[in-house]
Protein backbone atom coordinates (compact mmCIF):
# COMPACT_ATOMS: atom_id res chain seq x y z
CA MET A 1 -22.93 -21.76 23.18
CA LEU A 2 -20.84 -24.88 22.61
CA ILE A 3 -17.94 -25.26 25.04
CA ILE A 4 -15.35 -27.95 24.41
CA SER A 5 -12.98 -28.89 27.22
CA TYR A 6 -9.59 -30.44 26.53
CA GLY A 7 -8.56 -30.72 30.15
CA ALA A 8 -6.98 -28.38 32.65
CA LYS A 9 -3.52 -28.49 31.08
CA ALA A 10 -4.74 -27.31 27.67
CA GLN A 11 -6.73 -24.49 29.23
CA GLN A 12 -3.77 -22.99 31.08
CA PRO A 13 -2.93 -19.54 29.68
CA ASN A 14 0.36 -18.99 27.91
CA PRO A 15 1.99 -16.15 29.88
CA LEU A 16 4.40 -15.26 27.06
CA ALA A 17 1.60 -15.10 24.49
CA GLU A 18 -0.30 -12.74 26.80
CA LYS A 19 2.82 -10.60 27.18
CA TYR A 20 3.19 -10.51 23.39
CA GLU A 21 -0.30 -9.04 23.09
CA GLU A 22 0.75 -6.40 25.63
CA PHE A 23 3.95 -5.77 23.64
CA THR A 24 2.00 -5.06 20.43
CA LEU A 25 0.30 -2.08 22.10
CA ILE A 26 3.61 -0.31 22.80
CA GLY A 27 4.29 2.54 20.39
CA LYS A 28 7.92 3.63 20.81
CA VAL A 29 10.79 1.27 19.99
CA GLN A 30 12.71 2.40 23.08
CA ASP A 31 9.80 1.24 25.24
CA GLN A 32 9.51 -1.99 23.22
CA GLU A 33 13.18 -2.72 23.85
CA LYS A 34 12.82 -2.11 27.60
CA PHE A 35 9.73 -4.33 27.71
CA TYR A 36 11.66 -7.12 25.94
CA LYS A 37 14.69 -6.87 28.25
CA ASP A 38 12.49 -6.98 31.35
CA LEU A 39 10.44 -9.84 29.92
CA ILE A 40 13.37 -12.10 29.04
CA LYS A 41 14.67 -11.83 32.60
CA LYS A 42 11.36 -13.19 33.90
CA ILE A 43 10.71 -15.71 31.11
CA PRO A 44 14.00 -16.92 29.56
CA GLU A 45 14.02 -17.77 25.85
CA THR A 46 13.75 -21.49 25.08
CA GLU A 47 13.23 -23.52 21.92
CA LYS A 48 9.58 -23.85 22.90
CA ASN A 49 8.93 -20.10 23.07
CA ARG A 50 11.49 -19.03 20.44
CA LYS A 51 8.89 -18.16 17.80
CA ILE A 52 7.19 -15.59 20.04
CA TYR A 53 10.53 -14.06 21.00
CA ASP A 54 11.46 -14.05 17.30
CA ARG A 55 8.38 -11.95 16.55
CA ILE A 56 9.19 -9.54 19.36
CA LYS A 57 12.81 -9.12 18.28
CA GLY A 58 11.76 -8.84 14.65
CA VAL A 59 9.41 -5.95 15.44
CA ILE A 60 12.11 -4.21 17.48
CA ALA A 61 14.67 -4.69 14.68
CA ILE A 62 12.35 -3.18 12.06
CA ASN A 63 11.42 -0.26 14.28
CA TRP A 64 15.07 0.54 15.00
CA LEU A 65 15.71 0.49 11.25
CA HIS A 66 12.74 2.78 10.74
CA ASP A 67 14.34 5.13 13.28
CA GLU A 68 17.57 4.95 11.23
CA ASN A 69 19.59 3.12 13.88
CA LEU A 70 21.52 0.56 11.86
CA GLU A 71 23.54 -0.85 14.76
CA LYS A 72 20.45 -1.59 16.84
CA PHE A 73 18.79 -3.14 13.79
CA LYS A 74 21.77 -5.44 13.20
CA HIS A 75 21.90 -6.38 16.89
CA TYR A 76 18.33 -7.67 16.92
CA ASP A 77 18.23 -8.90 13.34
CA LYS A 78 21.13 -11.33 13.77
CA SER A 79 19.23 -13.35 16.40
CA VAL A 80 15.91 -13.48 14.50
CA LYS A 81 15.18 -16.54 12.40
CA ASP A 82 11.61 -16.07 11.11
CA GLY A 83 10.04 -13.19 13.01
CA LEU A 84 11.20 -10.21 10.97
CA SER A 85 8.66 -8.82 8.51
CA LEU A 86 10.21 -8.77 5.04
CA PHE A 87 7.28 -6.66 3.92
CA GLU A 88 8.17 -3.92 6.43
CA LEU A 89 11.87 -4.26 5.63
CA THR A 90 11.40 -3.78 1.90
CA ASN A 91 9.05 -0.83 2.55
CA ILE A 92 11.83 0.96 4.44
CA LEU A 93 14.51 0.12 1.85
CA GLU A 94 12.25 1.25 -1.02
CA LYS A 95 11.50 4.52 0.72
CA TRP A 96 15.18 5.22 1.31
CA LEU A 97 16.04 4.28 -2.27
CA ASP A 98 13.41 6.65 -3.66
CA GLU A 99 14.69 9.41 -1.38
CA GLN A 100 18.33 8.62 -2.29
CA LYS A 101 18.99 8.21 1.43
CA HIS A 102 21.23 5.76 3.34
CA LEU A 103 22.15 4.04 0.07
CA GLU A 104 25.10 2.27 1.70
CA TRP A 105 22.74 0.66 4.19
CA VAL A 106 20.24 -0.19 1.44
CA ASP A 107 23.03 -1.83 -0.55
CA VAL A 108 24.34 -3.96 2.33
CA ILE A 109 20.95 -5.04 3.70
CA SER A 110 19.38 -5.86 0.31
CA LYS A 111 22.37 -7.99 -0.76
CA GLN A 112 22.46 -9.83 2.57
CA TYR A 113 18.76 -10.63 2.49
CA ILE A 114 18.88 -11.77 -1.16
CA LYS A 115 21.59 -14.22 -0.16
CA ASP A 116 19.72 -15.37 2.97
CA ILE A 117 16.48 -15.99 1.05
CA GLU A 118 18.27 -17.88 -1.70
CA ASN A 119 20.09 -20.01 0.90
CA GLY A 120 16.87 -20.77 2.78
CA LEU A 121 17.86 -18.78 5.87
CA ARG A 122 14.88 -16.42 5.56
CA LYS A 123 11.30 -17.24 4.62
CA ASP A 124 9.79 -15.18 1.81
CA ASP A 125 6.20 -16.07 2.69
CA PHE A 126 4.59 -13.73 0.14
CA GLU A 127 7.15 -14.63 -2.56
CA HIS A 128 7.49 -10.88 -3.06
CA ALA A 129 10.55 -9.85 -1.04
CA HIS A 130 13.12 -11.63 -3.20
CA GLU A 131 12.03 -10.00 -6.46
CA LEU A 132 11.76 -6.60 -4.75
CA LEU A 133 15.17 -6.89 -3.09
CA LEU A 134 16.66 -7.72 -6.50
CA GLU A 135 15.08 -4.53 -7.93
CA ILE A 136 16.40 -2.46 -5.04
CA SER A 137 19.89 -3.91 -5.20
CA ALA A 138 20.02 -3.52 -8.98
CA THR A 139 19.03 0.15 -8.75
CA VAL A 140 21.66 0.86 -6.10
CA ASP A 141 24.27 -0.86 -8.27
CA CYS A 142 23.27 1.35 -11.19
CA ILE A 143 23.46 4.50 -9.07
CA ASN A 144 26.91 3.41 -7.93
CA GLY A 145 28.06 2.94 -11.53
CA ASP A 146 27.98 -0.87 -11.72
CA LYS A 147 25.68 -0.91 -14.75
CA SER A 148 26.33 -4.48 -15.89
CA SER A 149 25.56 -5.92 -12.44
CA ALA A 150 22.42 -3.77 -12.30
CA LEU A 151 21.21 -5.06 -15.66
CA ALA A 152 21.86 -8.69 -14.69
CA LYS A 153 19.94 -8.32 -11.42
CA ILE A 154 16.98 -6.44 -12.90
CA ASN A 155 16.67 -9.07 -15.64
CA GLU A 156 16.66 -11.76 -12.95
CA ALA A 157 13.94 -9.83 -11.14
CA LEU A 158 12.01 -9.58 -14.42
CA LYS A 159 11.77 -13.39 -14.48
CA ASP A 160 10.87 -13.59 -10.76
CA ALA A 161 7.48 -11.88 -10.89
CA LYS A 162 5.31 -14.03 -8.63
CA MET A 163 3.47 -11.20 -6.85
CA ARG A 164 4.33 -8.21 -9.02
CA ASN A 165 1.53 -8.84 -11.50
CA MET A 166 -1.11 -9.22 -8.80
CA ASN A 167 -3.10 -6.16 -7.72
CA TYR A 168 -2.02 -6.43 -4.11
CA PHE A 169 1.02 -4.34 -3.19
CA LYS A 170 0.97 -0.61 -3.92
CA ASP A 171 2.53 0.21 -7.29
CA SER A 172 4.69 -2.92 -7.35
CA LYS A 173 4.61 -3.15 -11.16
CA PRO A 174 5.05 0.57 -11.98
CA ASN A 175 7.93 0.79 -9.52
CA PHE A 176 9.63 -2.17 -11.16
CA ILE A 177 9.13 -0.79 -14.68
CA SER A 178 10.50 2.60 -13.61
CA ARG A 179 13.65 0.97 -12.18
CA TYR A 180 13.98 -1.32 -15.18
CA ALA A 181 13.82 1.64 -17.58
CA PHE A 182 16.32 3.61 -15.49
CA ILE A 183 18.79 0.72 -15.76
CA LEU A 184 18.11 0.16 -19.48
CA ASP A 185 18.81 3.83 -20.16
CA ALA A 186 22.03 3.72 -18.14
CA ASN A 187 23.14 0.74 -20.24
CA GLY A 188 22.57 2.60 -23.52
CA GLN A 189 19.18 1.04 -24.28
CA THR A 190 17.37 4.38 -24.20
CA GLN A 191 14.75 3.70 -26.88
CA LYS A 192 13.82 0.40 -25.25
CA ALA A 193 13.43 2.26 -21.97
CA ILE A 194 11.13 4.87 -23.57
CA ASP A 195 9.07 2.22 -25.37
CA THR A 196 8.64 0.22 -22.15
CA LEU A 197 7.57 3.28 -20.17
CA THR A 198 5.23 4.48 -22.94
CA VAL A 199 3.32 1.20 -22.95
CA SER A 200 3.02 1.38 -19.16
CA VAL A 201 1.57 4.90 -19.19
CA LYS A 202 -0.89 4.02 -21.98
CA GLU A 203 -2.05 1.01 -19.97
CA ALA A 204 -2.22 3.07 -16.74
CA GLU A 205 0.43 0.81 -15.22
CA SER A 206 1.99 3.98 -13.86
CA ASN A 207 2.50 6.28 -10.91
CA PRO A 208 4.13 9.71 -10.41
CA LYS A 209 7.57 8.13 -10.11
CA LEU A 210 7.26 6.30 -13.45
CA LEU A 211 5.94 9.44 -15.17
CA SER A 212 8.93 11.37 -13.86
CA THR A 213 11.31 8.68 -15.16
CA LEU A 214 9.74 8.86 -18.64
CA LYS A 215 9.90 12.68 -18.70
CA THR A 216 13.56 12.64 -17.64
CA ILE A 217 14.63 10.13 -20.28
CA CYS A 218 12.55 11.76 -23.06
CA ALA A 219 13.84 15.23 -22.17
CA LYS A 220 17.40 14.13 -22.96
CA ILE A 221 16.31 13.47 -26.56
CA ASN A 222 13.44 15.86 -27.25
CA GLY A 223 13.77 18.60 -24.65
CA GLU A 224 11.81 19.18 -21.46
CA ASP A 225 8.74 20.88 -23.01
CA ASN A 226 8.23 18.16 -25.62
CA ALA A 227 8.75 15.47 -23.01
CA THR A 228 6.07 16.99 -20.77
CA LYS A 229 3.60 17.28 -23.67
CA TYR A 230 4.28 13.68 -24.70
CA VAL A 231 3.67 12.29 -21.21
CA THR A 232 0.54 14.41 -20.72
CA SER A 233 -0.92 13.13 -24.00
CA LEU A 234 -0.33 9.54 -22.87
CA GLN A 235 -2.03 10.25 -19.54
CA ASP A 236 -5.04 11.77 -21.31
CA GLU A 237 -5.29 8.74 -23.57
CA ALA A 238 -5.21 6.38 -20.58
CA TYR A 239 -7.87 8.33 -18.69
CA GLN A 240 -10.22 8.48 -21.69
CA HIS A 241 -9.92 4.72 -22.07
CA TYR A 242 -11.22 4.15 -18.53
CA TYR A 243 -13.92 6.80 -18.85
CA LYS A 244 -15.33 5.10 -21.97
CA ALA A 245 -15.02 1.64 -20.41
CA LEU A 246 -16.92 2.71 -17.28
CA GLU A 247 -19.72 4.72 -18.90
CA SER A 248 -21.86 1.61 -19.32
CA LYS A 249 -21.41 0.73 -15.62
CA TRP A 250 -23.50 3.69 -14.46
CA ASP A 251 -26.76 2.39 -12.99
CA PRO A 252 -29.73 4.44 -14.27
CA ILE A 253 -32.03 2.99 -11.59
CA GLY A 254 -29.62 2.66 -8.68
CA LYS A 255 -30.63 2.05 -5.10
CA PRO A 256 -30.92 4.37 -2.10
CA ALA A 257 -27.88 4.44 0.16
CA PRO A 258 -28.47 3.09 3.70
CA THR A 259 -29.95 5.42 6.31
CA ILE A 260 -27.92 3.86 9.15
CA ALA A 261 -25.95 6.30 11.29
CA ILE A 262 -22.35 5.48 12.21
CA THR A 263 -19.56 7.69 13.54
CA LYS A 264 -16.52 9.39 12.11
CA LEU A 265 -13.10 8.75 13.62
CA ASN A 266 -13.35 12.19 15.26
CA GLY A 267 -16.52 11.08 17.07
CA GLN A 268 -19.06 13.02 14.99
CA GLU A 269 -22.16 11.28 13.65
CA PHE A 270 -22.29 10.30 9.97
CA LYS A 271 -25.41 9.76 7.85
CA VAL A 272 -25.57 9.74 4.06
CA SER A 273 -28.55 12.08 4.19
CA ASP A 274 -26.33 14.81 5.66
CA TYR A 275 -24.46 14.94 2.34
CA LYS A 276 -27.34 15.24 -0.12
CA GLY A 277 -26.45 17.65 -2.87
CA LYS A 278 -22.93 16.23 -3.03
CA ILE A 279 -21.40 13.35 -4.94
CA MET A 280 -20.02 11.01 -2.30
CA VAL A 281 -17.55 8.14 -2.39
CA VAL A 282 -17.45 5.61 0.45
CA ASP A 283 -14.70 3.00 0.39
CA PHE A 284 -14.47 0.16 2.93
CA TRP A 285 -11.08 -0.79 4.36
CA SER A 286 -9.18 -2.12 7.37
CA THR A 287 -5.68 -1.53 8.69
CA THR A 288 -4.72 -5.13 7.90
CA CYS A 289 -5.81 -4.88 4.25
CA THR A 290 -2.73 -4.11 2.12
CA PRO A 291 -4.66 -3.45 -1.15
CA CYS A 292 -6.99 -1.07 0.76
CA LYS A 293 -4.09 1.10 1.84
CA ALA A 294 -2.62 0.94 -1.67
CA CYS A 295 -5.69 2.88 -2.88
CA PHE A 296 -5.18 5.85 -0.56
CA PRO A 297 -2.70 7.93 -2.63
CA ALA A 298 -5.17 7.94 -5.55
CA PHE A 299 -8.01 8.89 -3.20
CA GLU A 300 -5.98 11.81 -1.86
CA ARG A 301 -5.47 13.05 -5.43
CA ILE A 302 -9.22 12.81 -6.05
CA VAL A 303 -9.98 14.80 -2.90
CA ALA A 304 -7.54 17.50 -4.04
CA ASP A 305 -9.17 17.60 -7.51
CA TYR A 306 -12.66 18.20 -6.11
CA LYS A 307 -11.84 20.32 -3.05
CA ASN A 308 -13.84 23.27 -4.43
CA GLU A 309 -16.81 21.21 -5.61
CA PRO A 310 -19.80 19.56 -3.86
CA PHE A 311 -17.94 16.32 -3.25
CA GLN A 312 -17.02 14.14 -0.27
CA LEU A 313 -14.91 11.00 0.05
CA PHE A 314 -14.84 8.76 3.13
CA VAL A 315 -12.87 5.62 3.91
CA ALA A 316 -14.93 3.45 6.25
CA GLY A 317 -12.91 1.20 8.54
CA ILE A 318 -14.62 -2.05 9.45
CA ALA A 319 -14.31 -4.57 12.30
CA GLU A 320 -11.64 -2.64 14.23
CA ASP A 321 -11.57 -0.52 17.35
CA LYS A 322 -10.97 3.21 17.35
CA GLU A 323 -7.46 2.92 18.81
CA THR A 324 -6.28 0.64 15.99
CA GLN A 325 -7.60 3.00 13.33
CA GLN A 326 -6.26 6.12 15.04
CA LYS A 327 -2.81 4.55 15.44
CA TYR A 328 -2.65 3.81 11.70
CA VAL A 329 -3.92 7.28 10.74
CA ASP A 330 -1.34 8.96 12.98
CA LYS A 331 1.57 6.78 11.85
CA SER A 332 0.76 7.00 8.12
CA LYS A 333 -0.26 10.69 8.29
CA LEU A 334 -3.45 9.78 6.41
CA THR A 335 -5.36 12.91 5.36
CA LEU A 336 -8.58 11.22 4.23
CA ASP A 337 -11.83 11.47 6.23
CA VAL A 338 -12.32 8.23 8.16
CA LEU A 339 -15.56 6.55 9.22
CA ARG A 340 -15.87 3.87 11.88
CA ASP A 341 -18.03 0.81 11.21
CA PRO A 342 -16.75 -1.63 13.87
CA ASP A 343 -19.87 -3.83 13.79
CA MET A 344 -20.04 -3.69 9.97
CA GLU A 345 -23.63 -2.41 10.03
CA PHE A 346 -23.19 0.12 7.25
CA TYR A 347 -20.97 -2.34 5.34
CA LYS A 348 -23.71 -4.98 5.34
CA ALA A 349 -26.54 -2.53 4.66
CA ILE A 350 -24.88 -1.09 1.55
CA GLY A 351 -24.04 -4.57 0.20
CA ALA A 352 -20.25 -4.51 0.36
CA LYS A 353 -18.56 -7.79 -0.53
CA GLY A 354 -15.04 -7.29 0.80
CA THR A 355 -12.30 -4.72 1.13
CA PRO A 356 -11.52 -2.52 -0.63
CA HIS A 357 -15.01 -1.91 -2.02
CA LYS A 358 -16.07 1.61 -3.01
CA PHE A 359 -19.51 3.04 -3.75
CA ILE A 360 -20.31 6.24 -5.66
CA ILE A 361 -23.45 7.96 -4.39
CA ASP A 362 -25.11 10.73 -6.41
CA PRO A 363 -26.33 14.06 -4.98
CA LYS A 364 -29.79 12.56 -4.32
CA GLY A 365 -28.38 9.77 -2.15
CA ILE A 366 -28.65 7.03 -4.80
CA ILE A 367 -25.85 4.50 -5.30
CA ARG A 368 -24.92 4.67 -8.98
CA MET A 369 -21.55 2.94 -9.35
CA GLU A 370 -19.17 0.72 -7.40
CA GLY A 371 -15.74 -0.82 -7.67
CA ILE A 372 -14.15 -3.78 -5.92
CA GLY A 373 -10.43 -4.25 -5.26
CA TYR A 374 -7.27 -2.28 -5.88
CA ALA A 375 -6.64 -1.37 -9.52
CA GLY A 376 -2.94 -2.26 -9.36
CA SER A 377 -1.38 1.19 -9.74
CA THR A 378 -1.91 4.65 -8.31
CA ASP A 379 -2.71 6.12 -11.73
CA ARG A 380 -5.19 3.41 -12.72
CA GLU A 381 -6.93 3.68 -9.36
CA TYR A 382 -7.07 7.45 -9.84
CA TYR A 383 -8.33 7.27 -13.45
CA GLU A 384 -11.04 4.76 -12.59
CA LEU A 385 -12.38 6.67 -9.60
CA LYS A 386 -12.15 10.04 -11.37
CA ALA A 387 -14.06 8.58 -14.33
CA MET A 388 -16.80 7.25 -12.02
CA VAL A 389 -17.11 10.62 -10.31
CA GLU A 390 -17.22 12.49 -13.63
CA ILE A 391 -19.80 10.09 -15.10
CA THR A 392 -22.00 10.50 -12.00
CA LYS A 393 -21.49 14.27 -12.16
CA LYS A 394 -22.57 14.34 -15.82
CA HIS A 395 -25.77 12.36 -15.16
CA ALA A 396 -26.58 14.49 -12.11
CA ALA A 397 -26.33 17.64 -14.24
CA ASP A 398 -28.50 16.09 -16.98
CA ASN A 399 -31.22 15.20 -14.44
CA ASN A 400 -31.46 18.68 -12.94
């Protein structure tokens, strides 16, 4: 072991940094607030420690907003310079927008943050928040009847697509297209809205929300039954495209899945051999991997599709302790079966190259197919995985 000493002064612990680590383990925002108030009495805020206090206040602000306490959010937000997570903020605003909830708050907050980012008062580190806030604000304007403002903002967001086209954030492109079409339709550009949505569904750049938007707009012209048939035909076309594209990826030789035993989140032992006779999917993830979590809605649909068949899907969390995984599962209400691979033994043995990385194992325990990364939309992720399962299922039947 190589130990490098920089002198006694450099080795002194930072008491505030240690307290921040303690703060991150607190679950309830009321307890976080009490911790902060007690802490600042003992260690006053200075320019030197401002960044750590910014992070603490930013977390408290977001959690108060999550708990729908606007006044508390504003109280903490106004004193935060860089510590507030714009990713978490936009997640909350998007959720409320989709639920048609607290639209007055969504309107005020989105407009304020657009202005702050444009004036350099807030850092948009991922270059994603600004474009998303424009979408959100545009949609609220349209709901409130200000159609021309909505169209101007959504067209500005259309040009500001730095992260939208990357397969990173869950459904960022389908959500944008759905909002764009909604605003086009409201401004009398109904056919353009339908054409835009149609292309998206054909290309699997879609999710349930976008499909619903297309059905709603089409139903106004062709009736509800015809609209449903039209959208279903587009979905079938998209799925068949991925099935045909993936058929050649099936490995006729394959390789045996690892025999290593790890544990499930519930403490039970897991071995691949315990699931022989079933098609199994194992996908590697971590709580800090945004694209990993973006895959989960598609996985849940797959599990529902095959609930009465010999099939099992696991998401295997790597390099994290049980408490971290359990906290995420509880908070997100994740219904998928979770494996624990804290030392990455199973991950290394199976040959995973990153997260997310999924492997499809046939009923004999042979790895036949795999896929790396998030596909970019819930529907594409679903189509791709369903196709891999169906292809493996077909070959398994042929070999019996």
